[in-house]
Amino acid sequence: MTYSIIGLKEGLLGVGVVSGSIAVGNRVPWARPGVGGVITQAYTNPALGPMILSFLEEGYSARRALSMAISLDHGRVYRQVAVMSYSGEKAVFTGESVPKPRKGLVGKNCICIGNLLASEGVVGEMFKGFEEAEEKVLPHAILNALRRGHRAGGDSRGDKSGALIVVDDKSVILSVKIDYSEEPVNELHRKVESLYSPP
């Protein structure tokens, strides 16, 4: 259904996502300046994003915020959720009924997750794409990860939409949504290039 990444680099936190569903940016990626980022996907419950961010803002750890939110969701077996606080704490949940192939990887500065993929290798390629983009600013490192995931097969249904949100400690730096495209990763890249200038 969807493959996504949360990354943290040089004071910026970003959430990137690509999916075989349309308008994925309206329900899967969430970010709040100075607080953190959330991905809520598979059979998505969009309420989890704002809820987890509010728990983080109240001072709960990423693990505790995710646990509290998931405990309130009666459909949690269908959810795949990743959380990263602005301080770099991380947590991931994958319900037992999330469509396969599915996978999640947690690194020092990123979380990559996906489900209903062409293969589990999609997530591994995303992870490599982010980790290897050391010289790139955060938006481009996330785009590099998504591009690698796409080249590895992406969503098993074909990629149709995407989104990228980037925040710093005070504001939203970048918010791009591609609601429908035959090439959502390329469209994201083009929009980011036109909208974002590194400081």
N, C-alpha and C. Protein backbone atom coordinates (compact mmCIF):
# COMPACT_ATOMS: atom_id res chain seq x y z
N MET A 1 0.81 -1.21 0.00
CA MET A 1 0.00 0.00 0.00
C MET A 1 0.85 1.26 0.00
N THR A 2 1.91 1.26 0.85
CA THR A 2 2.61 2.52 1.09
C THR A 2 4.02 2.25 1.59
N TYR A 3 4.97 3.12 1.21
CA TYR A 3 6.29 3.09 1.83
C TYR A 3 6.68 4.50 2.24
N SER A 4 7.29 4.60 3.42
CA SER A 4 7.48 5.91 4.04
C SER A 4 8.77 5.98 4.82
N ILE A 5 9.18 7.22 5.10
CA ILE A 5 10.39 7.45 5.88
C ILE A 5 10.21 8.69 6.75
N ILE A 6 10.76 8.63 7.96
CA ILE A 6 10.94 9.81 8.81
C ILE A 6 12.45 9.97 8.98
N GLY A 7 12.96 11.16 8.72
CA GLY A 7 14.40 11.41 8.85
C GLY A 7 14.68 12.66 9.64
N LEU A 8 15.83 12.68 10.29
CA LEU A 8 16.25 13.81 11.11
C LEU A 8 17.69 14.16 10.74
N LYS A 9 17.93 15.47 10.46
CA LYS A 9 19.27 15.86 10.02
C LYS A 9 19.46 17.36 10.20
N GLU A 10 20.50 17.75 10.90
CA GLU A 10 20.91 19.14 11.03
C GLU A 10 19.76 20.07 11.42
N GLY A 11 19.00 19.67 12.42
CA GLY A 11 17.92 20.50 12.93
C GLY A 11 16.63 20.46 12.16
N LEU A 12 16.56 19.61 11.13
CA LEU A 12 15.33 19.46 10.37
C LEU A 12 14.80 18.03 10.53
N LEU A 13 13.49 17.91 10.62
CA LEU A 13 12.82 16.62 10.66
C LEU A 13 11.86 16.55 9.48
N GLY A 14 11.90 15.44 8.74
CA GLY A 14 11.03 15.30 7.58
C GLY A 14 10.33 13.97 7.51
N VAL A 15 9.16 13.99 6.89
CA VAL A 15 8.37 12.78 6.66
C VAL A 15 8.07 12.69 5.17
N GLY A 16 8.47 11.58 4.55
CA GLY A 16 8.22 11.37 3.13
C GLY A 16 7.45 10.08 2.91
N VAL A 17 6.57 10.08 1.92
CA VAL A 17 5.72 8.91 1.68
C VAL A 17 5.35 8.81 0.21
N VAL A 18 5.25 7.57 -0.29
CA VAL A 18 4.75 7.28 -1.62
C VAL A 18 3.79 6.10 -1.50
N SER A 19 2.72 6.11 -2.30
CA SER A 19 1.70 5.07 -2.17
C SER A 19 1.03 4.76 -3.50
N GLY A 20 0.43 3.58 -3.57
CA GLY A 20 -0.41 3.21 -4.70
C GLY A 20 -1.82 3.75 -4.56
N SER A 21 -2.14 4.33 -3.42
CA SER A 21 -3.42 5.03 -3.21
C SER A 21 -3.27 6.48 -3.65
N ILE A 22 -4.36 7.14 -3.96
CA ILE A 22 -4.30 8.55 -4.31
C ILE A 22 -4.34 9.42 -3.06
N ALA A 23 -3.81 10.63 -3.17
CA ALA A 23 -3.86 11.65 -2.11
C ALA A 23 -3.34 11.14 -0.77
N VAL A 24 -2.23 10.40 -0.79
CA VAL A 24 -1.68 9.84 0.45
C VAL A 24 -1.26 10.93 1.43
N GLY A 25 -0.90 12.09 0.92
CA GLY A 25 -0.46 13.17 1.79
C GLY A 25 -1.51 13.73 2.71
N ASN A 26 -2.78 13.39 2.45
CA ASN A 26 -3.87 13.90 3.29
C ASN A 26 -4.09 13.08 4.55
N ARG A 27 -3.46 11.91 4.67
CA ARG A 27 -3.79 11.05 5.82
C ARG A 27 -2.63 10.28 6.43
N VAL A 28 -1.50 10.14 5.72
CA VAL A 28 -0.42 9.29 6.24
C VAL A 28 0.68 10.08 6.96
N PRO A 29 1.26 11.15 6.37
CA PRO A 29 2.38 11.84 7.02
C PRO A 29 1.93 12.99 7.92
N TRP A 30 2.56 13.07 9.10
CA TRP A 30 2.24 14.14 10.05
C TRP A 30 3.54 14.65 10.66
N ALA A 31 3.64 15.96 10.83
CA ALA A 31 4.82 16.54 11.48
C ALA A 31 4.42 17.83 12.18
N ARG A 32 5.05 18.08 13.30
CA ARG A 32 4.79 19.30 14.06
C ARG A 32 6.12 19.93 14.46
N PRO A 33 6.32 21.22 14.17
CA PRO A 33 7.60 21.88 14.46
C PRO A 33 8.03 21.70 15.92
N GLY A 34 9.29 21.30 16.09
CA GLY A 34 9.86 21.15 17.42
C GLY A 34 9.32 19.98 18.21
N VAL A 35 8.43 19.18 17.61
CA VAL A 35 7.78 18.09 18.33
C VAL A 35 8.16 16.73 17.75
N GLY A 36 7.90 16.53 16.46
CA GLY A 36 8.25 15.26 15.85
C GLY A 36 7.45 14.96 14.61
N GLY A 37 7.57 13.71 14.15
CA GLY A 37 6.86 13.26 12.96
C GLY A 37 6.24 11.90 13.18
N VAL A 38 5.15 11.65 12.45
CA VAL A 38 4.42 10.38 12.55
C VAL A 38 4.03 9.92 11.16
N ILE A 39 4.14 8.62 10.94
CA ILE A 39 3.58 7.96 9.77
C ILE A 39 2.50 7.01 10.28
N THR A 40 1.28 7.11 9.75
CA THR A 40 0.23 6.16 10.09
C THR A 40 -0.34 5.60 8.79
N GLN A 41 -0.10 4.30 8.54
CA GLN A 41 -0.43 3.73 7.23
C GLN A 41 -0.98 2.31 7.34
N ALA A 42 -0.96 1.56 6.25
CA ALA A 42 -1.68 0.29 6.06
C ALA A 42 -3.16 0.66 5.94
N TYR A 43 -4.04 0.07 6.75
CA TYR A 43 -5.43 0.53 6.78
C TYR A 43 -5.44 1.72 7.72
N THR A 44 -5.22 2.89 7.14
CA THR A 44 -4.82 4.07 7.91
C THR A 44 -5.89 4.58 8.85
N ASN A 45 -5.47 4.93 10.06
CA ASN A 45 -6.29 5.69 10.98
C ASN A 45 -5.65 7.07 11.12
N PRO A 46 -6.14 8.07 10.37
CA PRO A 46 -5.50 9.39 10.39
C PRO A 46 -5.51 10.06 11.75
N ALA A 47 -6.42 9.65 12.64
CA ALA A 47 -6.48 10.27 13.96
C ALA A 47 -5.23 9.99 14.79
N LEU A 48 -4.51 8.93 14.45
CA LEU A 48 -3.32 8.58 15.22
C LEU A 48 -2.22 9.63 15.10
N GLY A 49 -2.09 10.27 13.93
CA GLY A 49 -1.04 11.26 13.74
C GLY A 49 -1.11 12.41 14.72
N PRO A 50 -2.20 13.18 14.71
CA PRO A 50 -2.31 14.30 15.64
C PRO A 50 -2.30 13.85 17.11
N MET A 51 -2.88 12.68 17.38
CA MET A 51 -2.92 12.19 18.76
C MET A 51 -1.51 11.92 19.29
N ILE A 52 -0.70 11.22 18.49
CA ILE A 52 0.66 10.92 18.93
C ILE A 52 1.50 12.18 19.06
N LEU A 53 1.35 13.10 18.12
CA LEU A 53 2.09 14.36 18.21
C LEU A 53 1.71 15.14 19.47
N SER A 54 0.44 15.10 19.84
CA SER A 54 0.01 15.79 21.06
C SER A 54 0.61 15.13 22.30
N PHE A 55 0.68 13.80 22.30
CA PHE A 55 1.33 13.10 23.42
C PHE A 55 2.81 13.48 23.50
N LEU A 56 3.48 13.55 22.36
CA LEU A 56 4.88 13.96 22.36
C LEU A 56 5.03 15.38 22.92
N GLU A 57 4.12 16.25 22.50
CA GLU A 57 4.18 17.65 22.94
C GLU A 57 3.96 17.76 24.44
N GLU A 58 3.21 16.81 25.00
CA GLU A 58 2.97 16.80 26.46
C GLU A 58 4.16 16.23 27.23
N GLY A 59 5.16 15.72 26.51
CA GLY A 59 6.37 15.25 27.17
C GLY A 59 6.57 13.75 27.22
N TYR A 60 5.65 13.00 26.63
CA TYR A 60 5.82 11.55 26.61
C TYR A 60 6.89 11.15 25.61
N SER A 61 7.58 10.04 25.88
CA SER A 61 8.56 9.53 24.94
C SER A 61 7.87 9.03 23.68
N ALA A 62 8.63 8.84 22.61
CA ALA A 62 8.06 8.32 21.37
C ALA A 62 7.42 6.95 21.60
N ARG A 63 8.11 6.09 22.33
CA ARG A 63 7.58 4.75 22.59
C ARG A 63 6.27 4.81 23.38
N ARG A 64 6.26 5.66 24.41
CA ARG A 64 5.06 5.77 25.25
C ARG A 64 3.91 6.42 24.47
N ALA A 65 4.20 7.45 23.70
CA ALA A 65 3.16 8.13 22.92
C ALA A 65 2.51 7.17 21.93
N LEU A 66 3.33 6.36 21.27
CA LEU A 66 2.80 5.38 20.33
C LEU A 66 1.97 4.33 21.05
N SER A 67 2.48 3.83 22.16
CA SER A 67 1.76 2.80 22.92
C SER A 67 0.40 3.30 23.40
N MET A 68 0.36 4.53 23.89
CA MET A 68 -0.90 5.10 24.39
C MET A 68 -1.91 5.23 23.26
N ALA A 69 -1.46 5.73 22.12
CA ALA A 69 -2.38 5.93 21.00
C ALA A 69 -2.90 4.60 20.45
N ILE A 70 -2.00 3.64 20.27
CA ILE A 70 -2.38 2.34 19.73
C ILE A 70 -3.35 1.62 20.65
N SER A 71 -3.18 1.79 21.96
CA SER A 71 -4.07 1.13 22.91
C SER A 71 -5.51 1.62 22.80
N LEU A 72 -5.70 2.81 22.25
CA LEU A 72 -7.04 3.38 22.08
C LEU A 72 -7.67 3.04 20.74
N ASP A 73 -6.90 2.38 19.88
CA ASP A 73 -7.35 2.07 18.51
C ASP A 73 -7.80 0.61 18.43
N HIS A 74 -9.09 0.39 18.28
CA HIS A 74 -9.61 -0.98 18.23
C HIS A 74 -9.23 -1.70 16.95
N GLY A 75 -8.79 -0.96 15.93
CA GLY A 75 -8.36 -1.58 14.68
C GLY A 75 -6.86 -1.67 14.56
N ARG A 76 -6.14 -1.69 15.68
CA ARG A 76 -4.67 -1.62 15.65
C ARG A 76 -4.00 -2.77 14.92
N VAL A 77 -4.65 -3.91 14.80
CA VAL A 77 -4.02 -5.03 14.08
C VAL A 77 -3.82 -4.70 12.61
N TYR A 78 -4.52 -3.66 12.11
CA TYR A 78 -4.42 -3.27 10.70
C TYR A 78 -3.51 -2.06 10.49
N ARG A 79 -2.88 -1.56 11.55
CA ARG A 79 -2.10 -0.32 11.46
C ARG A 79 -0.60 -0.58 11.39
N GLN A 80 0.07 0.27 10.64
CA GLN A 80 1.52 0.34 10.66
C GLN A 80 1.88 1.79 10.96
N VAL A 81 2.60 2.02 12.06
CA VAL A 81 2.84 3.38 12.55
C VAL A 81 4.31 3.54 12.94
N ALA A 82 4.88 4.66 12.56
CA ALA A 82 6.23 5.02 12.99
C ALA A 82 6.21 6.41 13.61
N VAL A 83 7.04 6.60 14.63
CA VAL A 83 7.10 7.87 15.36
C VAL A 83 8.56 8.24 15.58
N MET A 84 8.87 9.51 15.35
CA MET A 84 10.18 10.03 15.73
C MET A 84 9.99 11.39 16.37
N SER A 85 10.51 11.55 17.57
CA SER A 85 10.44 12.86 18.22
C SER A 85 11.50 13.77 17.64
N TYR A 86 11.36 15.07 17.86
CA TYR A 86 12.32 16.03 17.34
C TYR A 86 13.70 15.84 17.98
N SER A 87 13.72 15.20 19.16
CA SER A 87 14.99 14.91 19.82
C SER A 87 15.61 13.60 19.34
N GLY A 88 14.89 12.87 18.46
CA GLY A 88 15.45 11.66 17.86
C GLY A 88 14.99 10.35 18.45
N GLU A 89 14.08 10.37 19.42
CA GLU A 89 13.52 9.11 19.94
C GLU A 89 12.66 8.47 18.86
N LYS A 90 12.63 7.13 18.83
CA LYS A 90 11.94 6.42 17.75
C LYS A 90 11.10 5.28 18.30
N ALA A 91 10.01 4.98 17.57
CA ALA A 91 9.17 3.84 17.90
C ALA A 91 8.41 3.41 16.66
N VAL A 92 8.15 2.10 16.54
CA VAL A 92 7.46 1.54 15.39
C VAL A 92 6.46 0.49 15.87
N PHE A 93 5.31 0.45 15.21
CA PHE A 93 4.30 -0.60 15.48
C PHE A 93 3.79 -1.13 14.15
N THR A 94 3.73 -2.44 14.02
CA THR A 94 3.14 -3.09 12.86
C THR A 94 2.16 -4.14 13.33
N GLY A 95 0.87 -3.95 13.06
CA GLY A 95 -0.15 -4.90 13.47
C GLY A 95 -0.06 -6.21 12.69
N GLU A 96 -0.56 -7.26 13.29
CA GLU A 96 -0.43 -8.59 12.69
C GLU A 96 -1.22 -8.76 11.40
N SER A 97 -2.19 -7.88 11.13
CA SER A 97 -3.00 -7.99 9.92
C SER A 97 -2.60 -6.98 8.84
N VAL A 98 -1.48 -6.30 9.04
CA VAL A 98 -0.97 -5.38 8.01
C VAL A 98 -0.56 -6.19 6.78
N PRO A 99 -0.95 -5.75 5.59
CA PRO A 99 -0.67 -6.52 4.37
C PRO A 99 0.83 -6.77 4.14
N LYS A 100 1.14 -7.98 3.71
CA LYS A 100 2.51 -8.34 3.35
C LYS A 100 2.69 -8.20 1.84
N PRO A 101 3.96 -8.09 1.39
CA PRO A 101 5.20 -7.94 2.14
C PRO A 101 5.23 -6.63 2.93
N ARG A 102 5.76 -6.72 4.14
CA ARG A 102 5.85 -5.54 5.00
C ARG A 102 7.19 -5.59 5.73
N LYS A 103 7.65 -4.41 6.15
CA LYS A 103 8.94 -4.36 6.84
C LYS A 103 9.10 -3.01 7.51
N GLY A 104 9.95 -2.96 8.52
CA GLY A 104 10.32 -1.72 9.17
C GLY A 104 11.78 -1.76 9.57
N LEU A 105 12.49 -0.67 9.34
CA LEU A 105 13.89 -0.57 9.73
C LEU A 105 14.11 0.74 10.49
N VAL A 106 14.85 0.65 11.57
CA VAL A 106 15.14 1.82 12.39
C VAL A 106 16.65 2.05 12.41
N GLY A 107 17.07 3.25 12.02
CA GLY A 107 18.48 3.61 12.03
C GLY A 107 18.75 4.72 13.02
N LYS A 108 19.95 5.24 12.99
CA LYS A 108 20.33 6.30 13.92
C LYS A 108 19.51 7.56 13.68
N ASN A 109 19.27 7.90 12.42
CA ASN A 109 18.58 9.16 12.09
C ASN A 109 17.36 8.98 11.20
N CYS A 110 16.86 7.75 11.07
CA CYS A 110 15.68 7.55 10.22
C CYS A 110 14.91 6.30 10.62
N ILE A 111 13.66 6.28 10.21
CA ILE A 111 12.80 5.09 10.28
C ILE A 111 12.21 4.89 8.89
N CYS A 112 12.28 3.68 8.36
CA CYS A 112 11.67 3.35 7.08
C CYS A 112 10.70 2.21 7.27
N ILE A 113 9.46 2.36 6.78
CA ILE A 113 8.47 1.31 6.90
C ILE A 113 7.70 1.17 5.59
N GLY A 114 7.08 0.01 5.39
CA GLY A 114 6.27 -0.19 4.19
C GLY A 114 5.43 -1.45 4.30
N ASN A 115 4.38 -1.49 3.49
CA ASN A 115 3.50 -2.66 3.46
C ASN A 115 2.88 -2.79 2.07
N LEU A 116 2.43 -4.00 1.73
CA LEU A 116 1.91 -4.34 0.41
C LEU A 116 2.90 -3.88 -0.66
N LEU A 117 4.15 -4.24 -0.45
CA LEU A 117 5.25 -3.79 -1.31
C LEU A 117 5.52 -4.80 -2.42
N ALA A 118 6.28 -4.35 -3.41
CA ALA A 118 6.75 -5.29 -4.43
C ALA A 118 7.61 -6.36 -3.79
N SER A 119 8.36 -5.98 -2.74
CA SER A 119 9.15 -6.92 -1.94
C SER A 119 9.60 -6.22 -0.68
N GLU A 120 10.06 -6.97 0.31
CA GLU A 120 10.60 -6.36 1.53
C GLU A 120 11.82 -5.52 1.23
N GLY A 121 12.49 -5.81 0.10
CA GLY A 121 13.68 -5.07 -0.27
C GLY A 121 13.45 -3.59 -0.51
N VAL A 122 12.20 -3.20 -0.75
CA VAL A 122 11.88 -1.78 -0.94
C VAL A 122 12.32 -0.97 0.28
N VAL A 123 12.01 -1.48 1.47
CA VAL A 123 12.35 -0.75 2.69
C VAL A 123 13.86 -0.71 2.89
N GLY A 124 14.53 -1.81 2.61
CA GLY A 124 15.98 -1.83 2.72
C GLY A 124 16.65 -0.84 1.80
N GLU A 125 16.13 -0.70 0.59
CA GLU A 125 16.68 0.26 -0.37
C GLU A 125 16.44 1.70 0.08
N MET A 126 15.26 1.96 0.65
CA MET A 126 15.00 3.30 1.20
C MET A 126 16.02 3.63 2.28
N PHE A 127 16.22 2.68 3.18
CA PHE A 127 17.15 2.87 4.29
C PHE A 127 18.55 3.19 3.77
N LYS A 128 19.01 2.43 2.80
CA LYS A 128 20.33 2.68 2.21
C LYS A 128 20.37 4.05 1.54
N GLY A 129 19.28 4.39 0.85
CA GLY A 129 19.23 5.67 0.15
C GLY A 129 19.38 6.86 1.08
N PHE A 130 18.79 6.77 2.26
CA PHE A 130 18.91 7.86 3.23
C PHE A 130 20.30 7.86 3.87
N GLU A 131 20.75 6.69 4.30
CA GLU A 131 22.04 6.60 4.99
C GLU A 131 23.21 7.02 4.09
N GLU A 132 23.08 6.76 2.79
CA GLU A 132 24.18 7.07 1.87
C GLU A 132 24.17 8.52 1.39
N ALA A 133 23.13 9.26 1.73
CA ALA A 133 23.00 10.64 1.24
C ALA A 133 23.55 11.64 2.24
N GLU A 134 24.73 11.36 2.78
CA GLU A 134 25.29 12.18 3.86
C GLU A 134 25.53 13.62 3.43
N GLU A 135 25.87 13.82 2.17
CA GLU A 135 26.21 15.17 1.72
C GLU A 135 24.97 15.99 1.35
N LYS A 136 23.83 15.37 1.35
CA LYS A 136 22.60 16.04 0.91
C LYS A 136 21.85 16.65 2.08
N VAL A 137 21.14 17.78 1.83
CA VAL A 137 20.27 18.34 2.85
C VAL A 137 19.08 17.39 3.04
N LEU A 138 18.39 17.53 4.17
CA LEU A 138 17.37 16.55 4.55
C LEU A 138 16.31 16.29 3.48
N PRO A 139 15.68 17.31 2.88
CA PRO A 139 14.66 17.01 1.86
C PRO A 139 15.20 16.14 0.73
N HIS A 140 16.42 16.40 0.30
CA HIS A 140 16.99 15.63 -0.79
C HIS A 140 17.40 14.23 -0.33
N ALA A 141 17.80 14.08 0.92
CA ALA A 141 18.11 12.76 1.45
C ALA A 141 16.85 11.89 1.50
N ILE A 142 15.73 12.50 1.89
CA ILE A 142 14.46 11.76 1.92
C ILE A 142 14.02 11.41 0.51
N LEU A 143 14.14 12.37 -0.41
CA LEU A 143 13.81 12.08 -1.81
C LEU A 143 14.68 10.95 -2.37
N ASN A 144 15.94 10.94 -1.99
CA ASN A 144 16.85 9.88 -2.43
C ASN A 144 16.36 8.53 -1.93
N ALA A 145 15.90 8.49 -0.68
CA ALA A 145 15.36 7.25 -0.11
C ALA A 145 14.11 6.79 -0.85
N LEU A 146 13.21 7.72 -1.12
CA LEU A 146 11.98 7.36 -1.84
C LEU A 146 12.27 6.90 -3.26
N ARG A 147 13.25 7.54 -3.89
CA ARG A 147 13.62 7.14 -5.25
C ARG A 147 14.17 5.71 -5.26
N ARG A 148 15.00 5.39 -4.27
CA ARG A 148 15.54 4.05 -4.18
C ARG A 148 14.42 3.03 -3.94
N GLY A 149 13.45 3.40 -3.09
CA GLY A 149 12.31 2.50 -2.84
C GLY A 149 11.50 2.28 -4.10
N HIS A 150 11.29 3.34 -4.85
CA HIS A 150 10.54 3.23 -6.10
C HIS A 150 11.26 2.32 -7.10
N ARG A 151 12.56 2.50 -7.23
CA ARG A 151 13.33 1.69 -8.18
C ARG A 151 13.35 0.22 -7.78
N ALA A 152 13.17 -0.05 -6.47
CA ALA A 152 13.14 -1.43 -5.99
C ALA A 152 11.76 -2.08 -6.18
N GLY A 153 10.82 -1.32 -6.72
CA GLY A 153 9.49 -1.87 -6.99
C GLY A 153 8.35 -1.11 -6.34
N GLY A 154 8.65 -0.40 -5.24
CA GLY A 154 7.64 0.42 -4.58
C GLY A 154 6.40 -0.33 -4.14
N ASP A 155 5.27 0.33 -4.20
CA ASP A 155 3.97 -0.26 -3.89
C ASP A 155 3.66 -1.33 -4.94
N SER A 156 3.18 -2.47 -4.49
CA SER A 156 2.92 -3.57 -5.43
C SER A 156 1.84 -3.22 -6.45
N ARG A 157 1.03 -2.22 -6.17
CA ARG A 157 -0.03 -1.80 -7.09
C ARG A 157 0.45 -0.74 -8.08
N GLY A 158 1.69 -0.28 -7.88
CA GLY A 158 2.20 0.85 -8.66
C GLY A 158 2.05 2.14 -7.86
N ASP A 159 3.00 3.04 -7.99
CA ASP A 159 3.00 4.29 -7.22
C ASP A 159 2.11 5.34 -7.88
N LYS A 160 1.25 5.97 -7.07
CA LYS A 160 0.27 6.92 -7.62
C LYS A 160 0.25 8.27 -6.92
N SER A 161 0.79 8.37 -5.70
CA SER A 161 0.78 9.67 -5.01
C SER A 161 1.94 9.72 -4.03
N GLY A 162 2.23 10.92 -3.55
CA GLY A 162 3.34 11.08 -2.62
C GLY A 162 3.25 12.38 -1.86
N ALA A 163 4.08 12.51 -0.84
CA ALA A 163 4.09 13.74 -0.05
C ALA A 163 5.40 13.86 0.72
N LEU A 164 5.75 15.09 1.05
CA LEU A 164 6.94 15.37 1.84
C LEU A 164 6.66 16.57 2.72
N ILE A 165 6.90 16.42 4.02
CA ILE A 165 6.76 17.50 4.99
C ILE A 165 8.09 17.65 5.72
N VAL A 166 8.57 18.88 5.86
CA VAL A 166 9.81 19.14 6.60
C VAL A 166 9.56 20.28 7.59
N VAL A 167 10.00 20.07 8.84
CA VAL A 167 9.84 21.09 9.88
C VAL A 167 11.17 21.34 10.57
N ASP A 168 11.29 22.51 11.17
CA ASP A 168 12.39 22.75 12.09
C ASP A 168 11.80 22.92 13.48
N ASP A 169 12.49 23.58 14.37
CA ASP A 169 11.97 23.69 15.74
C ASP A 169 10.84 24.70 15.88
N LYS A 170 10.63 25.53 14.85
CA LYS A 170 9.63 26.58 14.98
C LYS A 170 8.54 26.59 13.91
N SER A 171 8.81 26.03 12.74
CA SER A 171 7.86 26.19 11.64
C SER A 171 7.94 25.05 10.63
N VAL A 172 6.93 25.01 9.75
CA VAL A 172 6.93 24.09 8.62
C VAL A 172 7.78 24.71 7.53
N ILE A 173 8.85 24.04 7.15
CA ILE A 173 9.77 24.55 6.14
C ILE A 173 9.30 24.21 4.73
N LEU A 174 8.67 23.04 4.61
CA LEU A 174 8.28 22.54 3.29
C LEU A 174 7.11 21.58 3.45
N SER A 175 6.11 21.73 2.60
CA SER A 175 4.98 20.80 2.58
C SER A 175 4.53 20.63 1.13
N VAL A 176 4.76 19.43 0.59
CA VAL A 176 4.46 19.15 -0.81
C VAL A 176 3.59 17.89 -0.88
N LYS A 177 2.51 17.97 -1.65
CA LYS A 177 1.64 16.81 -1.85
C LYS A 177 1.41 16.59 -3.34
N ILE A 178 1.57 15.37 -3.77
CA ILE A 178 1.23 14.96 -5.14
C ILE A 178 0.05 14.01 -5.01
N ASP A 179 -1.15 14.51 -5.32
CA ASP A 179 -2.36 13.71 -5.08
C ASP A 179 -2.53 12.58 -6.10
N TYR A 180 -2.07 12.81 -7.33
CA TYR A 180 -2.12 11.73 -8.32
C TYR A 180 -1.09 11.98 -9.40
N SER A 181 -0.31 10.96 -9.68
CA SER A 181 0.66 11.05 -10.76
C SER A 181 1.12 9.64 -11.12
N GLU A 182 1.46 9.45 -12.39
CA GLU A 182 2.08 8.19 -12.80
C GLU A 182 3.53 8.13 -12.35
N GLU A 183 4.10 9.28 -11.96
CA GLU A 183 5.48 9.35 -11.49
C GLU A 183 5.57 10.26 -10.26
N PRO A 184 4.98 9.85 -9.14
CA PRO A 184 4.92 10.73 -7.97
C PRO A 184 6.29 11.09 -7.39
N VAL A 185 7.27 10.17 -7.47
CA VAL A 185 8.58 10.49 -6.93
C VAL A 185 9.24 11.59 -7.75
N ASN A 186 9.15 11.50 -9.06
CA ASN A 186 9.70 12.56 -9.92
C ASN A 186 8.98 13.88 -9.71
N GLU A 187 7.66 13.82 -9.52
CA GLU A 187 6.88 15.04 -9.28
C GLU A 187 7.29 15.68 -7.96
N LEU A 188 7.49 14.86 -6.93
CA LEU A 188 7.95 15.39 -5.64
C LEU A 188 9.29 16.10 -5.82
N HIS A 189 10.19 15.45 -6.54
CA HIS A 189 11.51 16.04 -6.76
C HIS A 189 11.41 17.39 -7.46
N ARG A 190 10.60 17.46 -8.50
CA ARG A 190 10.46 18.71 -9.24
C ARG A 190 9.89 19.82 -8.36
N LYS A 191 8.90 19.48 -7.56
CA LYS A 191 8.29 20.51 -6.70
C LYS A 191 9.25 20.96 -5.62
N VAL A 192 9.96 20.02 -5.02
CA VAL A 192 10.92 20.39 -3.98
C VAL A 192 12.01 21.28 -4.56
N GLU A 193 12.49 20.96 -5.74
CA GLU A 193 13.52 21.77 -6.38
C GLU A 193 13.04 23.20 -6.61
N SER A 194 11.75 23.37 -6.93
CA SER A 194 11.23 24.70 -7.20
C SER A 194 10.88 25.48 -5.94
N LEU A 195 10.65 24.77 -4.81
CA LEU A 195 10.16 25.43 -3.61
C LEU A 195 11.20 25.58 -2.50
N TYR A 196 12.20 24.70 -2.50
CA TYR A 196 13.12 24.67 -1.36
C TYR A 196 14.51 25.13 -1.72
N SER A 197 15.01 26.10 -0.98
CA SER A 197 16.39 26.55 -1.11
C SER A 197 17.07 26.36 0.24
N PRO A 198 18.10 25.53 0.31
CA PRO A 198 18.79 25.31 1.60
C PRO A 198 19.28 26.61 2.18
N PRO A 199 19.24 26.75 3.51
CA PRO A 199 19.70 27.99 4.15
C PRO A 199 21.20 28.16 3.99
